[in-house]
PDB file of all heavy atoms in Angstrom:
ATOM      1  N   GLU A   1      60.182 211.315 127.464  1.00  0.00           N
ATOM      2  CA  GLU A   1      61.651 211.155 127.414  1.00  0.00           C
ATOM      3  C   GLU A   1      62.162 210.527 128.706  1.00  0.00           C
ATOM      4  O   GLU A   1      61.843 211.014 129.782  1.00  0.00           O
ATOM      5  CB  GLU A   1      62.348 212.494 127.157  1.00  0.00           C
ATOM      6  CG  GLU A   1      63.846 212.443 127.103  1.00  0.00           C
ATOM      7  CD  GLU A   1      64.315 211.582 125.932  1.00  0.00           C
ATOM      8  OE1 GLU A   1      64.404 212.112 124.806  1.00  0.00           O
ATOM      9  OE2 GLU A   1      64.659 210.381 126.192  1.00  0.00           O
ATOM     10  N   LYS A   2      62.933 209.444 128.610  1.00  0.00           N
ATOM     11  CA  LYS A   2      63.492 208.803 129.814  1.00  0.00           C
ATOM     12  C   LYS A   2      65.005 208.875 129.868  1.00  0.00           C
ATOM     13  O   LYS A   2      65.602 208.442 130.855  1.00  0.00           O
ATOM     14  CB  LYS A   2      63.047 207.335 129.859  1.00  0.00           C
ATOM     15  CG  LYS A   2      61.546 207.103 130.030  1.00  0.00           C
ATOM     16  CD  LYS A   2      61.235 205.628 130.092  1.00  0.00           C
ATOM     17  CE  LYS A   2      59.751 205.431 130.483  1.00  0.00           C
ATOM     18  NZ  LYS A   2      58.826 205.930 129.478  1.00  0.00           N
ATOM     19  N   ARG A   3      65.665 209.424 128.856  1.00  0.00           N
ATOM     20  CA  ARG A   3      67.112 209.424 128.778  1.00  0.00           C
ATOM     21  C   ARG A   3      67.699 210.558 129.630  1.00  0.00           C
ATOM     22  O   ARG A   3      67.288 211.711 129.504  1.00  0.00           O
ATOM     23  CB  ARG A   3      67.561 209.506 127.336  1.00  0.00           C
ATOM     24  CG  ARG A   3      67.072 208.333 126.494  1.00  0.00           C
ATOM     25  CD  ARG A   3      67.346 208.496 125.016  1.00  0.00           C
ATOM     26  NE  ARG A   3      66.593 209.616 124.441  1.00  0.00           N
ATOM     27  CZ  ARG A   3      66.610 209.894 123.125  1.00  0.00           C
ATOM     28  NH1 ARG A   3      67.308 209.148 122.296  1.00  0.00           N
ATOM     29  NH2 ARG A   3      65.918 210.940 122.673  1.00  0.00           N
ATOM     30  N   PRO A   4      68.668 210.255 130.492  1.00  0.00           N
ATOM     31  CA  PRO A   4      69.180 211.252 131.451  1.00  0.00           C
ATOM     32  C   PRO A   4      69.716 212.511 130.773  1.00  0.00           C
ATOM     33  O   PRO A   4      69.480 213.627 131.276  1.00  0.00           O
ATOM     34  CB  PRO A   4      70.303 210.498 132.186  1.00  0.00           C
ATOM     35  CG  PRO A   4      69.957 209.063 132.050  1.00  0.00           C
ATOM     36  CD  PRO A   4      69.291 208.919 130.724  1.00  0.00           C
ATOM     37  N   PHE A   5      70.449 212.381 129.666  1.00  0.00           N
ATOM     38  CA  PHE A   5      71.050 213.551 129.061  1.00  0.00           C
ATOM     39  C   PHE A   5      69.996 214.572 128.643  1.00  0.00           C
ATOM     40  O   PHE A   5      70.159 215.794 128.848  1.00  0.00           O
ATOM     41  CB  PHE A   5      71.900 213.152 127.849  1.00  0.00           C
ATOM     42  CG  PHE A   5      72.487 214.324 127.110  1.00  0.00           C
ATOM     43  CD1 PHE A   5      73.689 214.871 127.548  1.00  0.00           C
ATOM     44  CD2 PHE A   5      71.867 214.861 126.031  1.00  0.00           C
ATOM     45  CE1 PHE A   5      74.238 215.972 126.898  1.00  0.00           C
ATOM     46  CE2 PHE A   5      72.405 215.962 125.353  1.00  0.00           C
ATOM     47  CZ  PHE A   5      73.611 216.509 125.792  1.00  0.00           C
ATOM     48  N   PHE A   6      68.886 214.123 128.052  1.00  0.00           N
ATOM     49  CA  PHE A   6      67.883 215.033 127.547  1.00  0.00           C
ATOM     50  C   PHE A   6      66.949 215.524 128.656  1.00  0.00           C
ATOM     51  O   PHE A   6      66.181 216.469 128.419  1.00  0.00           O
ATOM     52  CB  PHE A   6      67.090 214.384 126.414  1.00  0.00           C
ATOM     53  CG  PHE A   6      67.846 214.236 125.158  1.00  0.00           C
ATOM     54  CD1 PHE A   6      68.103 212.987 124.621  1.00  0.00           C
ATOM     55  CD2 PHE A   6      68.318 215.352 124.497  1.00  0.00           C
ATOM     56  CE1 PHE A   6      68.828 212.858 123.455  1.00  0.00           C
ATOM     57  CE2 PHE A   6      69.035 215.237 123.311  1.00  0.00           C
ATOM     58  CZ  PHE A   6      69.293 213.982 122.791  1.00  0.00           C
ATOM     59  N   ASN A   7      66.969 214.901 129.818  1.00  0.00           N
ATOM     60  CA  ASN A   7      66.128 215.355 130.900  1.00  0.00           C
ATOM     61  C   ASN A   7      66.826 216.386 131.811  1.00  0.00           C
ATOM     62  O   ASN A   7      66.165 217.158 132.499  1.00  0.00           O
ATOM     63  CB  ASN A   7      65.663 214.184 131.773  1.00  0.00           C
ATOM     64  CG  ASN A   7      64.535 213.411 131.141  1.00  0.00           C
ATOM     65  OD1 ASN A   7      63.636 213.998 130.569  1.00  0.00           O
ATOM     66  ND2 ASN A   7      64.577 212.114 131.195  1.00  0.00           N
ATOM     67  N   ASP A   8      68.141 216.417 131.772  1.00  0.00           N
ATOM     68  CA  ASP A   8      68.868 217.339 132.636  1.00  0.00           C
ATOM     69  C   ASP A   8      68.878 218.738 132.032  1.00  0.00           C
ATOM     70  O   ASP A   8      69.239 218.907 130.840  1.00  0.00           O
ATOM     71  CB  ASP A   8      70.306 216.829 132.843  1.00  0.00           C
ATOM     72  CG  ASP A   8      71.083 217.717 133.776  1.00  0.00           C
ATOM     73  OD1 ASP A   8      70.934 217.554 135.001  1.00  0.00           O
ATOM     74  OD2 ASP A   8      71.812 218.618 133.295  1.00  0.00           O
ATOM     75  N   ASN A   9      68.493 219.732 132.801  1.00  0.00           N
ATOM     76  CA  ASN A   9      68.552 221.152 132.387  1.00  0.00           C
ATOM     77  C   ASN A   9      67.808 221.374 131.088  1.00  0.00           C
ATOM     78  O   ASN A   9      68.260 222.074 130.195  1.00  0.00           O
ATOM     79  CB  ASN A   9      70.022 221.572 132.260  1.00  0.00           C
ATOM     80  CG  ASN A   9      70.187 223.071 132.196  1.00  0.00           C
ATOM     81  OD1 ASN A   9      69.318 223.836 132.671  1.00  0.00           O
ATOM     82  ND2 ASN A   9      71.255 223.531 131.611  1.00  0.00           N
ATOM     83  N   GLN A  10      66.637 220.778 130.961  1.00  0.00           N
ATOM     84  CA  GLN A  10      65.868 220.827 129.725  1.00  0.00           C
ATOM     85  C   GLN A  10      64.738 221.838 129.783  1.00  0.00           C
ATOM     86  O   GLN A  10      64.059 222.070 128.782  1.00  0.00           O
ATOM     87  CB  GLN A  10      65.321 219.413 129.392  1.00  0.00           C
ATOM     88  CG  GLN A  10      64.731 219.249 128.023  1.00  0.00           C
ATOM     89  CD  GLN A  10      65.754 219.304 126.911  1.00  0.00           C
ATOM     90  OE1 GLN A  10      66.949 219.147 127.125  1.00  0.00           O
ATOM     91  NE2 GLN A  10      65.286 219.473 125.666  1.00  0.00           N
ATOM     92  N   ASN A  11      64.516 222.485 130.951  1.00  0.00           N
ATOM     93  CA  ASN A  11      63.327 223.331 131.126  1.00  0.00           C
ATOM     94  C   ASN A  11      63.223 224.432 130.072  1.00  0.00           C
ATOM     95  O   ASN A  11      62.118 224.752 129.630  1.00  0.00           O
ATOM     96  CB  ASN A  11      63.347 223.987 132.522  1.00  0.00           C
ATOM     97  CG  ASN A  11      63.190 222.980 133.629  1.00  0.00           C
ATOM     98  OD1 ASN A  11      62.814 221.836 133.377  1.00  0.00           O
ATOM     99  ND2 ASN A  11      63.508 223.393 134.830  1.00  0.00           N
ATOM    100  N   ILE A  12      64.343 225.022 129.720  1.00  0.00           N
ATOM    101  CA  ILE A  12      64.283 226.162 128.806  1.00  0.00           C
ATOM    102  C   ILE A  12      63.683 225.773 127.456  1.00  0.00           C
ATOM    103  O   ILE A  12      63.066 226.586 126.765  1.00  0.00           O
ATOM    104  CB  ILE A  12      65.689 226.759 128.603  1.00  0.00           C
ATOM    105  CG1 ILE A  12      65.611 228.071 127.774  1.00  0.00           C
ATOM    106  CG2 ILE A  12      66.655 225.774 127.996  1.00  0.00           C
ATOM    107  CD1 ILE A  12      66.919 228.791 127.656  1.00  0.00           C
ATOM    108  N   PHE A  13      63.817 224.504 127.036  1.00  0.00           N
ATOM    109  CA  PHE A  13      63.318 224.085 125.721  1.00  0.00           C
ATOM    110  C   PHE A  13      61.877 223.611 125.793  1.00  0.00           C
ATOM    111  O   PHE A  13      61.326 223.220 124.745  1.00  0.00           O
ATOM    112  CB  PHE A  13      64.218 222.964 125.182  1.00  0.00           C
ATOM    113  CG  PHE A  13      65.660 223.353 125.057  1.00  0.00           C
ATOM    114  CD1 PHE A  13      66.595 222.852 125.937  1.00  0.00           C
ATOM    115  CD2 PHE A  13      66.085 224.220 124.049  1.00  0.00           C
ATOM    116  CE1 PHE A  13      67.935 223.213 125.832  1.00  0.00           C
ATOM    117  CE2 PHE A  13      67.426 224.584 123.939  1.00  0.00           C
ATOM    118  CZ  PHE A  13      68.360 224.062 124.856  1.00  0.00           C
ATOM    119  N   ASP A  14      61.281 223.560 126.968  1.00  0.00           N
ATOM    120  CA  ASP A  14      59.926 223.006 127.108  1.00  0.00           C
ATOM    121  C   ASP A  14      58.873 224.067 126.745  1.00  0.00           C
ATOM    122  O   ASP A  14      58.611 224.979 127.545  1.00  0.00           O
ATOM    123  CB  ASP A  14      59.679 222.506 128.512  1.00  0.00           C
ATOM    124  CG  ASP A  14      60.446 221.242 128.820  1.00  0.00           C
ATOM    125  OD1 ASP A  14      60.724 220.488 127.873  1.00  0.00           O
ATOM    126  OD2 ASP A  14      60.783 221.010 130.005  1.00  0.00           O
ATOM    127  N   VAL A  15      58.294 223.995 125.555  1.00  0.00           N
ATOM    128  CA  VAL A  15      57.227 224.858 125.110  1.00  0.00           C
ATOM    129  C   VAL A  15      56.092 223.967 124.658  1.00  0.00           C
ATOM    130  O   VAL A  15      56.267 223.104 123.797  1.00  0.00           O
ATOM    131  CB  VAL A  15      57.678 225.794 123.970  1.00  0.00           C
ATOM    132  CG1 VAL A  15      56.548 226.712 123.547  1.00  0.00           C
ATOM    133  CG2 VAL A  15      58.902 226.572 124.381  1.00  0.00           C
ATOM    134  N   VAL A  16      54.908 224.181 125.238  1.00  0.00           N
ATOM    135  CA  VAL A  16      53.763 223.299 124.945  1.00  0.00           C
ATOM    136  C   VAL A  16      52.571 224.142 124.507  1.00  0.00           C
ATOM    137  O   VAL A  16      52.475 225.345 124.785  1.00  0.00           O
ATOM    138  CB  VAL A  16      53.367 222.456 126.203  1.00  0.00           C
ATOM    139  CG1 VAL A  16      54.573 221.611 126.615  1.00  0.00           C
ATOM    140  CG2 VAL A  16      52.942 223.344 127.335  1.00  0.00           C
ATOM    141  N   GLY A  17      51.658 223.467 123.810  1.00  0.00           N
ATOM    142  CA  GLY A  17      50.418 224.085 123.349  1.00  0.00           C
ATOM    143  C   GLY A  17      49.287 223.042 123.311  1.00  0.00           C
ATOM    144  O   GLY A  17      49.484 221.870 123.632  1.00  0.00           O
ATOM    145  N   PRO A  18      48.103 223.442 122.868  1.00  0.00           N
ATOM    146  CA  PRO A  18      46.983 222.499 122.770  1.00  0.00           C
ATOM    147  C   PRO A  18      47.282 221.342 121.820  1.00  0.00           C
ATOM    148  O   PRO A  18      48.186 221.411 120.985  1.00  0.00           O
ATOM    149  CB  PRO A  18      45.834 223.389 122.226  1.00  0.00           C
ATOM    150  CG  PRO A  18      46.210 224.770 122.566  1.00  0.00           C
ATOM    151  CD  PRO A  18      47.706 224.817 122.503  1.00  0.00           C
ATOM    152  N   GLU A  19      46.501 220.285 121.917  1.00  0.00           N
ATOM    153  CA  GLU A  19      46.701 219.061 121.148  1.00  0.00           C
ATOM    154  C   GLU A  19      48.028 218.410 121.470  1.00  0.00           C
ATOM    155  O   GLU A  19      48.685 217.803 120.620  1.00  0.00           O
ATOM    156  CB  GLU A  19      46.572 219.306 119.645  1.00  0.00           C
ATOM    157  CG  GLU A  19      45.173 219.666 119.211  1.00  0.00           C
ATOM    158  CD  GLU A  19      44.191 218.523 119.369  1.00  0.00           C
ATOM    159  OE1 GLU A  19      44.111 217.649 118.491  1.00  0.00           O
ATOM    160  OE2 GLU A  19      43.478 218.521 120.381  1.00  0.00           O
ATOM    161  N   ASN A  20      48.464 218.584 122.740  1.00  0.00           N
ATOM    162  CA  ASN A  20      49.726 218.006 123.225  1.00  0.00           C
ATOM    163  C   ASN A  20      50.919 218.472 122.387  1.00  0.00           C
ATOM    164  O   ASN A  20      51.923 217.737 122.231  1.00  0.00           O
ATOM    165  CB  ASN A  20      49.674 216.464 123.198  1.00  0.00           C
ATOM    166  CG  ASN A  20      50.520 215.846 124.272  1.00  0.00           C
ATOM    167  OD1 ASN A  20      50.943 216.507 125.214  1.00  0.00           O
ATOM    168  ND2 ASN A  20      50.753 214.560 124.179  1.00  0.00           N
ATOM    169  N   LEU A  21      50.851 219.686 121.878  1.00  0.00           N
ATOM    170  CA  LEU A  21      51.934 220.221 121.059  1.00  0.00           C
ATOM    171  C   LEU A  21      53.201 220.374 121.890  1.00  0.00           C
ATOM    172  O   LEU A  21      53.141 220.897 123.033  1.00  0.00           O
ATOM    173  CB  LEU A  21      51.537 221.562 120.455  1.00  0.00           C
ATOM    174  CG  LEU A  21      52.531 222.248 119.531  1.00  0.00           C
ATOM    175  CD1 LEU A  21      51.798 222.984 118.399  1.00  0.00           C
ATOM    176  CD2 LEU A  21      53.434 223.251 120.270  1.00  0.00           C
ATOM    177  N   ARG A  22      54.324 219.933 121.354  1.00  0.00           N
ATOM    178  CA  ARG A  22      55.652 220.137 121.950  1.00  0.00           C
ATOM    179  C   ARG A  22      56.541 220.692 120.860  1.00  0.00           C
ATOM    180  O   ARG A  22      56.733 220.077 119.811  1.00  0.00           O
ATOM    181  CB  ARG A  22      56.256 218.804 122.428  1.00  0.00           C
ATOM    182  CG  ARG A  22      55.443 218.076 123.527  1.00  0.00           C
ATOM    183  CD  ARG A  22      55.482 218.831 124.820  1.00  0.00           C
ATOM    184  NE  ARG A  22      54.957 218.075 125.945  1.00  0.00           N
ATOM    185  CZ  ARG A  22      53.677 217.994 126.282  1.00  0.00           C
ATOM    186  NH1 ARG A  22      52.764 218.610 125.553  1.00  0.00           N
ATOM    187  NH2 ARG A  22      53.301 217.310 127.334  1.00  0.00           N
ATOM    188  N   VAL A  23      57.092 221.900 121.088  1.00  0.00           N
ATOM    189  CA  VAL A  23      57.998 222.491 120.120  1.00  0.00           C
ATOM    190  C   VAL A  23      59.280 221.648 119.990  1.00  0.00           C
ATOM    191  O   VAL A  23      59.824 221.476 118.894  1.00  0.00           O
ATOM    192  CB  VAL A  23      58.319 223.928 120.493  1.00  0.00           C
ATOM    193  CG1 VAL A  23      59.383 224.513 119.573  1.00  0.00           C
ATOM    194  CG2 VAL A  23      57.058 224.790 120.428  1.00  0.00           C
ATOM    195  N   VAL A  24      59.738 221.099 121.110  1.00  0.00           N
ATOM    196  CA  VAL A  24      60.907 220.159 121.107  1.00  0.00           C
ATOM    197  C   VAL A  24      60.454 218.885 121.809  1.00  0.00           C
ATOM    198  O   VAL A  24      60.041 218.914 122.975  1.00  0.00           O
ATOM    199  CB  VAL A  24      62.109 220.775 121.813  1.00  0.00           C
ATOM    200  CG1 VAL A  24      63.248 219.772 121.865  1.00  0.00           C
ATOM    201  CG2 VAL A  24      62.546 222.048 121.114  1.00  0.00           C
ATOM    202  N   HIS A  25      60.515 217.762 121.068  1.00  0.00           N
ATOM    203  CA  HIS A  25      60.157 216.444 121.595  1.00  0.00           C
ATOM    204  C   HIS A  25      61.369 215.574 121.403  1.00  0.00           C
ATOM    205  O   HIS A  25      61.547 214.963 120.354  1.00  0.00           O
ATOM    206  CB  HIS A  25      58.928 215.925 120.858  1.00  0.00           C
ATOM    207  CG  HIS A  25      58.443 214.590 121.376  1.00  0.00           C
ATOM    208  ND1 HIS A  25      58.140 214.369 122.693  1.00  0.00           N
ATOM    209  CD2 HIS A  25      58.175 213.409 120.715  1.00  0.00           C
ATOM    210  CE1 HIS A  25      57.716 213.112 122.849  1.00  0.00           C
ATOM    211  NE2 HIS A  25      57.743 212.522 121.659  1.00  0.00           N
ATOM    212  N   THR A  26      62.221 215.486 122.416  1.00  0.00           N
ATOM    213  CA  THR A  26      63.554 214.864 122.249  1.00  0.00           C
ATOM    214  C   THR A  26      63.524 213.367 121.927  1.00  0.00           C
ATOM    215  O   THR A  26      64.520 212.862 121.413  1.00  0.00           O
ATOM    216  CB  THR A  26      64.422 215.111 123.495  1.00  0.00           C
ATOM    217  OG1 THR A  26      63.716 214.692 124.668  1.00  0.00           O
ATOM    218  CG2 THR A  26      64.788 216.578 123.620  1.00  0.00           C
ATOM    219  N   PRO A  27      62.454 212.586 122.203  1.00  0.00           N
ATOM    220  CA  PRO A  27      62.467 211.198 121.730  1.00  0.00           C
ATOM    221  C   PRO A  27      62.638 211.039 120.223  1.00  0.00           C
ATOM    222  O   PRO A  27      62.945 209.951 119.749  1.00  0.00           O
ATOM    223  CB  PRO A  27      61.119 210.638 122.193  1.00  0.00           C
ATOM    224  CG  PRO A  27      60.829 211.412 123.451  1.00  0.00           C
ATOM    225  CD  PRO A  27      61.322 212.799 123.146  1.00  0.00           C
ATOM    226  N   ARG A  28      62.402 212.150 119.457  1.00  0.00           N
ATOM    227  CA  ARG A  28      62.689 212.094 118.008  1.00  0.00           C
ATOM    228  C   ARG A  28      64.161 211.848 117.747  1.00  0.00           C
ATOM    229  O   ARG A  28      64.547 211.230 116.738  1.00  0.00           O
ATOM    230  CB  ARG A  28      62.331 213.422 117.361  1.00  0.00           C
ATOM    231  CG  ARG A  28      60.900 213.847 117.502  1.00  0.00           C
ATOM    232  CD  ARG A  28      59.986 213.126 116.571  1.00  0.00           C
ATOM    233  NE  ARG A  28      58.640 213.601 116.649  1.00  0.00           N
ATOM    234  CZ  ARG A  28      57.566 212.877 116.416  1.00  0.00           C
ATOM    235  NH1 ARG A  28      57.660 211.598 116.083  1.00  0.00           N
ATOM    236  NH2 ARG A  28      56.365 213.399 116.514  1.00  0.00           N
ATOM    237  N   ILE A  29      65.029 212.361 118.644  1.00  0.00           N
ATOM    238  CA  ILE A  29      66.466 212.310 118.407  1.00  0.00           C
ATOM    239  C   ILE A  29      66.988 210.897 118.718  1.00  0.00           C
ATOM    240  O   ILE A  29      66.790 210.375 119.833  1.00  0.00           O
ATOM    241  CB  ILE A  29      67.183 213.331 119.299  1.00  0.00           C
ATOM    242  CG1 ILE A  29      66.653 214.756 119.011  1.00  0.00           C
ATOM    243  CG2 ILE A  29      68.699 213.293 119.099  1.00  0.00           C
ATOM    244  CD1 ILE A  29      67.179 215.815 119.938  1.00  0.00           C
ATOM    245  N   GLY A  30      67.621 210.301 117.762  1.00  0.00           N
ATOM    246  CA  GLY A  30      68.112 208.957 117.931  1.00  0.00           C
ATOM    247  C   GLY A  30      66.995 207.908 117.962  1.00  0.00           C
ATOM    248  O   GLY A  30      67.174 206.837 118.505  1.00  0.00           O
ATOM    249  N   GLY A  31      65.889 208.220 117.375  1.00  0.00           N
ATOM    250  CA  GLY A  31      64.742 207.301 117.335  1.00  0.00           C
ATOM    251  C   GLY A  31      64.149 207.191 115.957  1.00  0.00           C
ATOM    252  O   GLY A  31      64.745 207.613 114.961  1.00  0.00           O
ATOM    253  N   GLU A  32      62.953 206.669 115.877  1.00  0.00           N
ATOM    254  CA  GLU A  32      62.300 206.501 114.617  1.00  0.00           C
ATOM    255  C   GLU A  32      61.788 207.840 114.050  1.00  0.00           C
ATOM    256  O   GLU A  32      61.453 208.716 114.803  1.00  0.00           O
ATOM    257  CB  GLU A  32      61.103 205.534 114.728  1.00  0.00           C
ATOM    258  CG  GLU A  32      61.527 204.107 115.101  1.00  0.00           C
ATOM    259  CD  GLU A  32      60.347 203.177 115.193  1.00  0.00           C
ATOM    260  OE1 GLU A  32      59.190 203.645 115.067  1.00  0.00           O
ATOM    261  OE2 GLU A  32      60.576 201.966 115.414  1.00  0.00           O
TER     262      GLU A  32
END
């Protein structure tokens, strides 16, 4: 994610797991 709004104060939503799992991957929003 490179967009300023989604990078600011985003730590609380960062949950990761194996196989590069991201519970929240904000590039989905407003994208393909």
